[in-house]
Amino acid sequence: LSQGQDRRWRRRAVQLTRARPGDRALDVCCGTGALSRLLLARVGRAGEVVGVDLTEEMLARARERVPGASFVAGDACRLPFAEGRFDVATMAFGLRNISDREAALGELLRVLRPGGRAVVLEFSTVSRPLRPAYAWYGRQFIPRVARALLGRDGAYRYLADSIAVFPPPPTVSGWLLEAGFRPVRCRRMSFGIVALHVGVRPA
């Protein structure tokens, strides 16, 4: 439904972590492991990738797809890891669905070592000329496809609604700054459909 763009977004997110072979990487809200698999390819056999998600069904699928990574059930607001455990951390399309975003970003910072990098990939505010077409695509076209293929469209209607009310990139970058990340940078992709927020835990 993203016309293949989601793969490009995830590849860029992993590049921005600057993860190296042997690094320890955490993927929060990992879902079925799409981003975890890319992290594992980057850190290699000498490294470690741990995915965290609330949904056991998602984790079961992730374990099948990415056998070289570890997947644990956990809450993004109370991560079950020691402080400074990871070199890099990612969160793709999860922040929008977390009610206590302050706690989640604080936990992301806590589990990183000093100098570690976090990359948050999330939907954003699309460029103004494209907004009418993008709104139609999200609110009309995608739910129709979901109904035709799956017989239900509730999750995709929620997707469109949650994107519509999610704050613009400067606000999200501000959340990372408030959590303690320094510096924080934002990169937009695909005419603003998504934004990648990169934060560093100060040394």
N, C-alpha and C. Protein backbone atom coordinates (compact mmCIF):
# COMPACT_ATOMS: atom_id res chain seq x y z
N LEU A 1 0.82 -1.22 0.00
CA LEU A 1 0.00 0.00 0.00
C LEU A 1 0.85 1.27 0.00
N SER A 2 2.10 1.16 0.40
CA SER A 2 3.00 2.31 0.33
C SER A 2 3.72 2.37 -1.00
N GLN A 3 3.35 1.48 -1.93
CA GLN A 3 4.03 1.40 -3.24
C GLN A 3 5.52 1.07 -3.08
N GLY A 4 5.83 0.30 -2.06
CA GLY A 4 7.21 -0.11 -1.83
C GLY A 4 8.07 0.90 -1.12
N GLN A 5 7.52 2.07 -0.80
CA GLN A 5 8.31 3.12 -0.17
C GLN A 5 8.75 2.74 1.24
N ASP A 6 7.95 1.94 1.94
CA ASP A 6 8.29 1.61 3.33
C ASP A 6 9.64 0.91 3.43
N ARG A 7 10.00 0.11 2.43
CA ARG A 7 11.31 -0.55 2.46
C ARG A 7 12.43 0.48 2.36
N ARG A 8 12.22 1.48 1.53
CA ARG A 8 13.24 2.53 1.39
C ARG A 8 13.34 3.34 2.68
N TRP A 9 12.21 3.61 3.33
CA TRP A 9 12.23 4.37 4.58
C TRP A 9 12.99 3.61 5.66
N ARG A 10 12.76 2.31 5.74
CA ARG A 10 13.44 1.52 6.77
C ARG A 10 14.93 1.41 6.49
N ARG A 11 15.30 1.24 5.23
CA ARG A 11 16.73 1.19 4.91
C ARG A 11 17.42 2.47 5.32
N ARG A 12 16.77 3.61 5.07
CA ARG A 12 17.38 4.89 5.44
C ARG A 12 17.46 5.02 6.96
N ALA A 13 16.43 4.55 7.67
CA ALA A 13 16.47 4.61 9.13
C ALA A 13 17.68 3.85 9.67
N VAL A 14 17.94 2.67 9.12
CA VAL A 14 19.07 1.87 9.58
C VAL A 14 20.39 2.55 9.23
N GLN A 15 20.48 3.16 8.05
CA GLN A 15 21.69 3.90 7.69
C GLN A 15 21.97 5.01 8.70
N LEU A 16 20.91 5.71 9.12
CA LEU A 16 21.08 6.84 10.03
C LEU A 16 21.47 6.44 11.43
N THR A 17 21.28 5.16 11.79
CA THR A 17 21.77 4.72 13.10
C THR A 17 23.29 4.72 13.15
N ARG A 18 23.92 4.60 11.98
CA ARG A 18 25.38 4.47 11.87
C ARG A 18 25.88 3.23 12.61
N ALA A 19 25.03 2.22 12.74
CA ALA A 19 25.42 0.98 13.40
C ALA A 19 26.58 0.34 12.65
N ARG A 20 27.48 -0.26 13.42
CA ARG A 20 28.66 -0.90 12.86
C ARG A 20 28.67 -2.39 13.23
N PRO A 21 29.45 -3.18 12.50
CA PRO A 21 29.56 -4.59 12.87
C PRO A 21 29.96 -4.75 14.34
N GLY A 22 29.25 -5.61 15.04
CA GLY A 22 29.54 -5.84 16.45
C GLY A 22 28.71 -5.00 17.40
N ASP A 23 27.95 -4.04 16.87
CA ASP A 23 27.13 -3.19 17.74
C ASP A 23 25.93 -3.95 18.30
N ARG A 24 25.39 -3.43 19.40
CA ARG A 24 24.16 -3.95 20.00
C ARG A 24 23.02 -3.00 19.62
N ALA A 25 21.99 -3.53 18.97
CA ALA A 25 20.90 -2.71 18.44
C ALA A 25 19.57 -3.14 19.04
N LEU A 26 18.74 -2.15 19.37
CA LEU A 26 17.40 -2.39 19.90
C LEU A 26 16.37 -1.84 18.93
N ASP A 27 15.36 -2.65 18.63
CA ASP A 27 14.25 -2.23 17.76
C ASP A 27 12.97 -2.25 18.59
N VAL A 28 12.50 -1.06 18.98
CA VAL A 28 11.31 -0.93 19.83
C VAL A 28 10.07 -0.86 18.94
N CYS A 29 9.00 -1.49 19.36
CA CYS A 29 7.78 -1.62 18.55
C CYS A 29 8.15 -2.32 17.23
N CYS A 30 8.83 -3.46 17.37
CA CYS A 30 9.44 -4.11 16.21
C CYS A 30 8.43 -4.78 15.28
N GLY A 31 7.21 -5.04 15.74
CA GLY A 31 6.23 -5.70 14.89
C GLY A 31 6.72 -7.05 14.42
N THR A 32 6.64 -7.28 13.12
CA THR A 32 7.05 -8.57 12.56
C THR A 32 8.52 -8.62 12.16
N GLY A 33 9.30 -7.62 12.56
CA GLY A 33 10.75 -7.69 12.41
C GLY A 33 11.33 -7.14 11.13
N ALA A 34 10.58 -6.34 10.38
CA ALA A 34 11.09 -5.82 9.11
C ALA A 34 12.35 -4.97 9.31
N LEU A 35 12.32 -4.10 10.33
CA LEU A 35 13.49 -3.26 10.59
C LEU A 35 14.58 -4.04 11.32
N SER A 36 14.18 -4.96 12.18
CA SER A 36 15.16 -5.78 12.90
C SER A 36 16.05 -6.54 11.92
N ARG A 37 15.46 -7.04 10.85
CA ARG A 37 16.23 -7.81 9.85
C ARG A 37 17.30 -6.93 9.21
N LEU A 38 16.97 -5.69 8.92
CA LEU A 38 17.95 -4.78 8.33
C LEU A 38 19.05 -4.42 9.33
N LEU A 39 18.67 -4.25 10.59
CA LEU A 39 19.68 -3.99 11.63
C LEU A 39 20.64 -5.16 11.76
N LEU A 40 20.11 -6.37 11.71
CA LEU A 40 20.95 -7.55 11.85
C LEU A 40 21.96 -7.64 10.71
N ALA A 41 21.53 -7.32 9.50
CA ALA A 41 22.44 -7.34 8.37
C ALA A 41 23.57 -6.33 8.56
N ARG A 42 23.28 -5.25 9.28
CA ARG A 42 24.29 -4.21 9.47
C ARG A 42 25.27 -4.54 10.60
N VAL A 43 24.79 -5.08 11.70
CA VAL A 43 25.70 -5.34 12.83
C VAL A 43 26.41 -6.69 12.69
N GLY A 44 25.88 -7.58 11.85
CA GLY A 44 26.55 -8.84 11.57
C GLY A 44 26.49 -9.85 12.70
N ARG A 45 27.18 -10.95 12.49
CA ARG A 45 27.15 -12.04 13.46
C ARG A 45 27.79 -11.65 14.78
N ALA A 46 28.74 -10.73 14.74
CA ALA A 46 29.39 -10.30 15.98
C ALA A 46 28.52 -9.35 16.79
N GLY A 47 27.46 -8.84 16.18
CA GLY A 47 26.58 -7.90 16.86
C GLY A 47 25.38 -8.59 17.47
N GLU A 48 24.45 -7.77 17.93
CA GLU A 48 23.24 -8.27 18.58
C GLU A 48 22.07 -7.37 18.21
N VAL A 49 20.94 -7.98 17.88
CA VAL A 49 19.71 -7.23 17.63
C VAL A 49 18.62 -7.81 18.54
N VAL A 50 17.96 -6.91 19.28
CA VAL A 50 16.85 -7.30 20.14
C VAL A 50 15.62 -6.49 19.71
N GLY A 51 14.53 -7.18 19.44
CA GLY A 51 13.27 -6.53 19.10
C GLY A 51 12.30 -6.64 20.27
N VAL A 52 11.54 -5.57 20.49
CA VAL A 52 10.56 -5.52 21.58
C VAL A 52 9.21 -5.12 21.01
N ASP A 53 8.18 -5.83 21.42
CA ASP A 53 6.82 -5.48 21.00
C ASP A 53 5.84 -6.00 22.06
N LEU A 54 4.67 -5.38 22.12
CA LEU A 54 3.64 -5.82 23.05
C LEU A 54 2.89 -7.05 22.57
N THR A 55 2.87 -7.27 21.26
CA THR A 55 1.98 -8.26 20.67
C THR A 55 2.70 -9.57 20.39
N GLU A 56 2.31 -10.63 21.09
CA GLU A 56 2.97 -11.91 20.94
C GLU A 56 2.83 -12.47 19.53
N GLU A 57 1.68 -12.24 18.88
CA GLU A 57 1.50 -12.74 17.52
C GLU A 57 2.50 -12.10 16.57
N MET A 58 2.77 -10.81 16.75
CA MET A 58 3.78 -10.13 15.94
C MET A 58 5.16 -10.74 16.20
N LEU A 59 5.47 -10.97 17.48
CA LEU A 59 6.77 -11.49 17.84
C LEU A 59 6.99 -12.89 17.29
N ALA A 60 5.94 -13.70 17.27
CA ALA A 60 6.07 -15.04 16.71
C ALA A 60 6.45 -14.97 15.24
N ARG A 61 5.84 -14.06 14.52
CA ARG A 61 6.18 -13.88 13.10
C ARG A 61 7.60 -13.34 12.95
N ALA A 62 8.00 -12.41 13.82
CA ALA A 62 9.35 -11.85 13.76
C ALA A 62 10.40 -12.94 13.98
N ARG A 63 10.15 -13.84 14.91
CA ARG A 63 11.11 -14.93 15.18
C ARG A 63 11.29 -15.82 13.96
N GLU A 64 10.21 -16.02 13.21
CA GLU A 64 10.30 -16.82 11.99
C GLU A 64 11.10 -16.09 10.91
N ARG A 65 10.87 -14.78 10.79
CA ARG A 65 11.47 -14.00 9.72
C ARG A 65 12.94 -13.67 9.98
N VAL A 66 13.30 -13.49 11.26
CA VAL A 66 14.65 -13.03 11.60
C VAL A 66 15.24 -13.94 12.67
N PRO A 67 15.65 -15.15 12.30
CA PRO A 67 16.10 -16.11 13.31
C PRO A 67 17.38 -15.70 14.03
N GLY A 68 18.14 -14.78 13.48
CA GLY A 68 19.38 -14.37 14.13
C GLY A 68 19.22 -13.30 15.20
N ALA A 69 18.01 -12.77 15.36
CA ALA A 69 17.75 -11.75 16.36
C ALA A 69 16.98 -12.33 17.53
N SER A 70 16.93 -11.59 18.63
CA SER A 70 16.15 -11.99 19.80
C SER A 70 14.92 -11.10 19.89
N PHE A 71 13.79 -11.67 20.25
CA PHE A 71 12.55 -10.90 20.35
C PHE A 71 11.89 -11.18 21.69
N VAL A 72 11.53 -10.09 22.38
CA VAL A 72 10.94 -10.21 23.71
C VAL A 72 9.68 -9.36 23.79
N ALA A 73 8.73 -9.82 24.57
CA ALA A 73 7.52 -9.04 24.82
C ALA A 73 7.85 -7.97 25.85
N GLY A 74 7.43 -6.75 25.57
CA GLY A 74 7.72 -5.67 26.50
C GLY A 74 7.00 -4.39 26.13
N ASP A 75 6.95 -3.49 27.08
CA ASP A 75 6.29 -2.20 26.95
C ASP A 75 7.34 -1.14 26.65
N ALA A 76 7.12 -0.36 25.61
CA ALA A 76 8.07 0.70 25.24
C ALA A 76 8.27 1.71 26.36
N CYS A 77 7.30 1.83 27.25
CA CYS A 77 7.40 2.78 28.35
C CYS A 77 8.11 2.21 29.57
N ARG A 78 8.39 0.91 29.55
CA ARG A 78 9.11 0.25 30.65
C ARG A 78 9.98 -0.86 30.05
N LEU A 79 11.01 -0.46 29.35
CA LEU A 79 11.85 -1.43 28.66
C LEU A 79 12.61 -2.31 29.65
N PRO A 80 12.64 -3.63 29.41
CA PRO A 80 13.26 -4.55 30.36
C PRO A 80 14.76 -4.71 30.17
N PHE A 81 15.48 -3.59 30.10
CA PHE A 81 16.92 -3.63 29.85
C PHE A 81 17.64 -2.66 30.77
N ALA A 82 18.90 -2.95 31.03
CA ALA A 82 19.71 -2.09 31.88
C ALA A 82 20.07 -0.80 31.15
N GLU A 83 20.39 0.20 31.92
CA GLU A 83 20.82 1.49 31.34
C GLU A 83 22.10 1.30 30.53
N GLY A 84 22.14 1.96 29.36
CA GLY A 84 23.33 1.94 28.54
C GLY A 84 23.61 0.63 27.83
N ARG A 85 22.59 -0.21 27.70
CA ARG A 85 22.78 -1.57 27.16
C ARG A 85 23.07 -1.59 25.66
N PHE A 86 22.57 -0.58 24.91
CA PHE A 86 22.61 -0.65 23.45
C PHE A 86 23.41 0.50 22.84
N ASP A 87 23.98 0.21 21.66
CA ASP A 87 24.71 1.23 20.91
C ASP A 87 23.77 2.06 20.05
N VAL A 88 22.73 1.43 19.50
CA VAL A 88 21.76 2.14 18.66
C VAL A 88 20.37 1.61 18.99
N ALA A 89 19.36 2.43 18.69
CA ALA A 89 17.97 2.02 18.91
C ALA A 89 17.10 2.62 17.82
N THR A 90 16.06 1.90 17.45
CA THR A 90 15.12 2.37 16.45
C THR A 90 13.69 2.19 16.94
N MET A 91 12.80 3.00 16.38
CA MET A 91 11.37 2.83 16.59
C MET A 91 10.68 3.28 15.30
N ALA A 92 10.06 2.35 14.60
CA ALA A 92 9.41 2.66 13.33
C ALA A 92 7.90 2.56 13.47
N PHE A 93 7.23 3.66 13.26
CA PHE A 93 5.76 3.73 13.25
C PHE A 93 5.15 3.24 14.56
N GLY A 94 5.86 3.47 15.65
CA GLY A 94 5.35 3.08 16.96
C GLY A 94 4.99 4.24 17.85
N LEU A 95 5.73 5.34 17.74
CA LEU A 95 5.54 6.47 18.65
C LEU A 95 4.12 7.02 18.56
N ARG A 96 3.55 7.01 17.38
CA ARG A 96 2.20 7.53 17.15
C ARG A 96 1.15 6.76 17.95
N ASN A 97 1.47 5.52 18.29
CA ASN A 97 0.50 4.66 18.96
C ASN A 97 0.72 4.54 20.47
N ILE A 98 1.68 5.29 21.00
CA ILE A 98 2.00 5.22 22.43
C ILE A 98 1.39 6.41 23.14
N SER A 99 0.63 6.16 24.18
CA SER A 99 -0.05 7.26 24.89
C SER A 99 0.94 8.09 25.71
N ASP A 100 1.90 7.44 26.36
CA ASP A 100 2.88 8.16 27.18
C ASP A 100 4.18 8.29 26.39
N ARG A 101 4.20 9.23 25.47
CA ARG A 101 5.37 9.38 24.60
C ARG A 101 6.59 9.87 25.37
N GLU A 102 6.37 10.66 26.40
CA GLU A 102 7.48 11.15 27.21
C GLU A 102 8.21 9.97 27.86
N ALA A 103 7.44 9.02 28.42
CA ALA A 103 8.06 7.86 29.05
C ALA A 103 8.78 6.99 28.02
N ALA A 104 8.18 6.79 26.86
CA ALA A 104 8.79 5.95 25.84
C ALA A 104 10.12 6.53 25.34
N LEU A 105 10.15 7.82 25.09
CA LEU A 105 11.39 8.44 24.63
C LEU A 105 12.43 8.48 25.74
N GLY A 106 11.98 8.66 26.98
CA GLY A 106 12.91 8.60 28.11
C GLY A 106 13.55 7.23 28.23
N GLU A 107 12.77 6.18 28.01
CA GLU A 107 13.31 4.83 28.04
C GLU A 107 14.27 4.57 26.88
N LEU A 108 13.94 5.11 25.72
CA LEU A 108 14.83 4.96 24.57
C LEU A 108 16.19 5.57 24.88
N LEU A 109 16.18 6.74 25.51
CA LEU A 109 17.43 7.40 25.89
C LEU A 109 18.17 6.58 26.95
N ARG A 110 17.44 6.09 27.94
CA ARG A 110 18.06 5.39 29.08
C ARG A 110 18.84 4.16 28.65
N VAL A 111 18.29 3.38 27.73
CA VAL A 111 18.94 2.11 27.37
C VAL A 111 20.09 2.29 26.38
N LEU A 112 20.30 3.50 25.88
CA LEU A 112 21.43 3.76 25.00
C LEU A 112 22.68 4.09 25.82
N ARG A 113 23.83 3.67 25.32
CA ARG A 113 25.09 4.10 25.93
C ARG A 113 25.31 5.57 25.61
N PRO A 114 26.13 6.28 26.38
CA PRO A 114 26.48 7.65 26.02
C PRO A 114 27.09 7.69 24.61
N GLY A 115 26.57 8.57 23.79
CA GLY A 115 26.99 8.64 22.40
C GLY A 115 26.18 7.76 21.47
N GLY A 116 25.29 6.93 22.02
CA GLY A 116 24.44 6.07 21.21
C GLY A 116 23.38 6.86 20.47
N ARG A 117 22.92 6.32 19.35
CA ARG A 117 21.98 7.03 18.48
C ARG A 117 20.64 6.32 18.43
N ALA A 118 19.57 7.11 18.46
CA ALA A 118 18.21 6.61 18.27
C ALA A 118 17.65 7.20 17.00
N VAL A 119 16.92 6.39 16.24
CA VAL A 119 16.24 6.85 15.04
C VAL A 119 14.76 6.50 15.16
N VAL A 120 13.92 7.52 15.11
CA VAL A 120 12.47 7.33 15.18
C VAL A 120 11.88 7.64 13.81
N LEU A 121 11.33 6.63 13.17
CA LEU A 121 10.69 6.77 11.86
C LEU A 121 9.19 6.84 12.08
N GLU A 122 8.59 7.93 11.59
CA GLU A 122 7.16 8.10 11.83
C GLU A 122 6.52 8.87 10.68
N PHE A 123 5.22 8.69 10.52
CA PHE A 123 4.51 9.46 9.51
C PHE A 123 4.57 10.93 9.86
N SER A 124 4.42 11.77 8.83
CA SER A 124 4.65 13.19 9.00
C SER A 124 3.58 13.99 8.28
N THR A 125 3.86 15.27 8.08
CA THR A 125 2.94 16.18 7.41
C THR A 125 3.37 16.32 5.96
N VAL A 126 2.58 15.80 5.06
CA VAL A 126 2.95 15.78 3.65
C VAL A 126 2.97 17.20 3.08
N SER A 127 3.78 17.41 2.04
CA SER A 127 3.87 18.72 1.41
C SER A 127 2.49 19.22 0.98
N ARG A 128 2.26 20.52 1.13
CA ARG A 128 0.92 21.09 0.95
C ARG A 128 0.27 20.76 -0.40
N PRO A 129 0.97 20.84 -1.55
CA PRO A 129 0.29 20.53 -2.82
C PRO A 129 -0.24 19.10 -2.91
N LEU A 130 0.35 18.19 -2.15
CA LEU A 130 -0.04 16.79 -2.23
C LEU A 130 -1.09 16.39 -1.19
N ARG A 131 -1.45 17.30 -0.29
CA ARG A 131 -2.31 16.92 0.83
C ARG A 131 -3.68 16.41 0.41
N PRO A 132 -4.38 17.04 -0.55
CA PRO A 132 -5.69 16.49 -0.92
C PRO A 132 -5.61 15.06 -1.46
N ALA A 133 -4.66 14.81 -2.34
CA ALA A 133 -4.52 13.46 -2.91
C ALA A 133 -4.10 12.46 -1.84
N TYR A 134 -3.21 12.87 -0.95
CA TYR A 134 -2.73 11.99 0.10
C TYR A 134 -3.87 11.66 1.07
N ALA A 135 -4.69 12.67 1.39
CA ALA A 135 -5.82 12.44 2.29
C ALA A 135 -6.82 11.45 1.66
N TRP A 136 -7.08 11.61 0.36
CA TRP A 136 -7.98 10.68 -0.33
C TRP A 136 -7.41 9.27 -0.32
N TYR A 137 -6.12 9.15 -0.57
CA TYR A 137 -5.47 7.84 -0.62
C TYR A 137 -5.58 7.13 0.73
N GLY A 138 -5.34 7.90 1.81
CA GLY A 138 -5.37 7.30 3.13
C GLY A 138 -6.76 7.00 3.65
N ARG A 139 -7.69 7.90 3.38
CA ARG A 139 -9.04 7.77 3.96
C ARG A 139 -10.02 7.00 3.09
N GLN A 140 -9.77 6.95 1.78
CA GLN A 140 -10.70 6.29 0.87
C GLN A 140 -10.11 5.05 0.20
N PHE A 141 -8.98 5.23 -0.47
CA PHE A 141 -8.44 4.13 -1.27
C PHE A 141 -7.95 2.97 -0.41
N ILE A 142 -7.10 3.24 0.59
CA ILE A 142 -6.53 2.17 1.40
C ILE A 142 -7.60 1.36 2.13
N PRO A 143 -8.60 2.00 2.80
CA PRO A 143 -9.65 1.18 3.43
C PRO A 143 -10.42 0.32 2.44
N ARG A 144 -10.64 0.83 1.22
CA ARG A 144 -11.35 0.02 0.22
C ARG A 144 -10.54 -1.22 -0.16
N VAL A 145 -9.24 -1.04 -0.33
CA VAL A 145 -8.39 -2.19 -0.65
C VAL A 145 -8.41 -3.18 0.51
N ALA A 146 -8.33 -2.67 1.74
CA ALA A 146 -8.34 -3.54 2.91
C ALA A 146 -9.64 -4.34 3.00
N ARG A 147 -10.75 -3.69 2.73
CA ARG A 147 -12.04 -4.40 2.75
C ARG A 147 -12.08 -5.50 1.69
N ALA A 148 -11.54 -5.18 0.50
CA ALA A 148 -11.57 -6.15 -0.59
C ALA A 148 -10.67 -7.35 -0.30
N LEU A 149 -9.52 -7.10 0.29
CA LEU A 149 -8.55 -8.18 0.50
C LEU A 149 -8.76 -8.92 1.81
N LEU A 150 -9.14 -8.17 2.87
CA LEU A 150 -9.20 -8.75 4.21
C LEU A 150 -10.62 -8.89 4.74
N GLY A 151 -11.57 -8.21 4.11
CA GLY A 151 -12.93 -8.23 4.62
C GLY A 151 -13.17 -7.29 5.77
N ARG A 152 -12.18 -6.47 6.12
CA ARG A 152 -12.33 -5.49 7.20
C ARG A 152 -11.36 -4.34 6.96
N ASP A 153 -11.69 -3.18 7.51
CA ASP A 153 -10.86 -2.01 7.23
C ASP A 153 -10.59 -1.16 8.47
N GLY A 154 -10.97 -1.64 9.65
CA GLY A 154 -10.85 -0.83 10.87
C GLY A 154 -9.44 -0.36 11.15
N ALA A 155 -8.46 -1.27 11.01
CA ALA A 155 -7.07 -0.89 11.30
C ALA A 155 -6.57 0.19 10.36
N TYR A 156 -7.01 0.14 9.11
CA TYR A 156 -6.53 1.12 8.13
C TYR A 156 -7.24 2.45 8.28
N ARG A 157 -8.48 2.43 8.75
CA ARG A 157 -9.14 3.70 9.07
C ARG A 157 -8.45 4.35 10.28
N TYR A 158 -8.10 3.52 11.25
CA TYR A 158 -7.34 4.05 12.40
C TYR A 158 -6.01 4.64 11.93
N LEU A 159 -5.34 3.96 11.01
CA LEU A 159 -4.06 4.45 10.49
C LEU A 159 -4.22 5.86 9.94
N ALA A 160 -5.20 6.06 9.07
CA ALA A 160 -5.41 7.37 8.46
C ALA A 160 -5.76 8.42 9.51
N ASP A 161 -6.61 8.05 10.46
CA ASP A 161 -7.01 9.01 11.50
C ASP A 161 -5.84 9.39 12.40
N SER A 162 -5.02 8.40 12.76
CA SER A 162 -3.89 8.68 13.66
C SER A 162 -2.82 9.52 12.97
N ILE A 163 -2.63 9.32 11.67
CA ILE A 163 -1.68 10.14 10.93
C ILE A 163 -2.17 11.58 10.86
N ALA A 164 -3.48 11.75 10.64
CA ALA A 164 -4.05 13.10 10.48
C ALA A 164 -3.86 13.97 11.71
N VAL A 165 -3.88 13.36 12.91
CA VAL A 165 -3.77 14.15 14.14
C VAL A 165 -2.37 14.15 14.73
N PHE A 166 -1.44 13.42 14.12
CA PHE A 166 -0.08 13.37 14.67
C PHE A 166 0.63 14.69 14.41
N PRO A 167 1.38 15.20 15.38
CA PRO A 167 2.00 16.53 15.24
C PRO A 167 3.05 16.58 14.13
N PRO A 168 3.37 17.76 13.65
CA PRO A 168 4.39 17.91 12.60
C PRO A 168 5.78 17.64 13.14
N PRO A 169 6.76 17.46 12.24
CA PRO A 169 8.11 17.09 12.66
C PRO A 169 8.76 17.99 13.71
N PRO A 170 8.63 19.33 13.67
CA PRO A 170 9.27 20.13 14.71
C PRO A 170 8.80 19.77 16.12
N THR A 171 7.52 19.42 16.25
CA THR A 171 7.00 19.03 17.55
C THR A 171 7.62 17.71 18.01
N VAL A 172 7.70 16.75 17.10
CA VAL A 172 8.27 15.45 17.45
C VAL A 172 9.74 15.58 17.80
N SER A 173 10.48 16.37 17.03
CA SER A 173 11.88 16.61 17.37
C SER A 173 12.00 17.28 18.74
N GLY A 174 11.04 18.15 19.05
CA GLY A 174 11.02 18.79 20.37
C GLY A 174 10.84 17.78 21.48
N TRP A 175 10.03 16.75 21.23
CA TRP A 175 9.87 15.69 22.24
C TRP A 175 11.20 15.01 22.53
N LEU A 176 11.99 14.75 21.48
CA LEU A 176 13.29 14.11 21.70
C LEU A 176 14.23 15.02 22.50
N LEU A 177 14.18 16.30 22.19
CA LEU A 177 15.01 17.24 22.96
C LEU A 177 14.60 17.27 24.42
N GLU A 178 13.30 17.27 24.67
CA GLU A 178 12.81 17.27 26.05
C GLU A 178 13.20 16.00 26.79
N ALA A 179 13.30 14.89 26.06
CA ALA A 179 13.69 13.62 26.67
C ALA A 179 15.17 13.60 27.04
N GLY A 180 15.97 14.51 26.44
CA GLY A 180 17.38 14.59 26.77
C GLY A 180 18.33 14.29 25.64
N PHE A 181 17.81 14.01 24.44
CA PHE A 181 18.68 13.75 23.30
C PHE A 181 19.34 15.06 22.84
N ARG A 182 20.62 14.98 22.54
CA ARG A 182 21.37 16.12 22.02
C ARG A 182 22.53 15.61 21.15
N PRO A 183 22.62 16.04 19.88
CA PRO A 183 21.65 16.88 19.16
C PRO A 183 20.50 16.04 18.64
N VAL A 184 19.53 16.72 18.04
CA VAL A 184 18.40 16.07 17.38
C VAL A 184 18.28 16.65 15.98
N ARG A 185 18.17 15.76 15.00
CA ARG A 185 18.01 16.21 13.62
C ARG A 185 16.82 15.48 13.00
N CYS A 186 16.23 16.12 12.00
CA CYS A 186 15.07 15.54 11.33
C CYS A 186 15.30 15.52 9.82
N ARG A 187 14.98 14.40 9.20
CA ARG A 187 15.06 14.27 7.75
C ARG A 187 13.71 13.79 7.24
N ARG A 188 13.17 14.49 6.27
CA ARG A 188 11.89 14.12 5.69
C ARG A 188 12.12 13.34 4.40
N MET A 189 11.20 12.42 4.10
CA MET A 189 11.30 11.62 2.88
C MET A 189 9.95 11.56 2.19
N SER A 190 9.99 11.29 0.89
CA SER A 190 8.78 11.08 0.08
C SER A 190 7.80 12.24 0.21
N PHE A 191 8.32 13.45 -0.02
CA PHE A 191 7.51 14.67 0.01
C PHE A 191 6.86 14.90 1.38
N GLY A 192 7.53 14.42 2.43
CA GLY A 192 7.03 14.65 3.77
C GLY A 192 6.08 13.60 4.29
N ILE A 193 5.90 12.50 3.57
CA ILE A 193 5.02 11.44 4.06
C ILE A 193 5.56 10.89 5.38
N VAL A 194 6.89 10.75 5.47
CA VAL A 194 7.49 10.30 6.72
C VAL A 194 8.62 11.25 7.10
N ALA A 195 8.98 11.18 8.37
CA ALA A 195 10.14 11.91 8.87
C ALA A 195 10.98 10.97 9.72
N LEU A 196 12.27 11.13 9.64
CA LEU A 196 13.21 10.36 10.46
C LEU A 196 13.86 11.33 11.46
N HIS A 197 13.62 11.07 12.73
CA HIS A 197 14.15 11.90 13.80
C HIS A 197 15.35 11.17 14.41
N VAL A 198 16.51 11.81 14.39
CA VAL A 198 17.73 11.20 14.86
C VAL A 198 18.19 11.93 16.11
N GLY A 199 18.33 11.21 17.22
CA GLY A 199 18.80 11.80 18.46
C GLY A 199 19.98 11.02 19.02
N VAL A 200 20.84 11.73 19.72
CA VAL A 200 22.05 11.13 20.31
C VAL A 200 21.99 11.30 21.83
N ARG A 201 22.32 10.23 22.55
CA ARG A 201 22.44 10.38 24.01
C ARG A 201 23.75 11.08 24.29
N PRO A 202 23.71 12.21 24.99
CA PRO A 202 24.96 12.96 25.23
C PRO A 202 26.00 12.12 25.96
N ALA A 203 27.24 12.37 25.65
CA ALA A 203 28.33 11.64 26.29
C ALA A 203 28.41 12.04 27.75
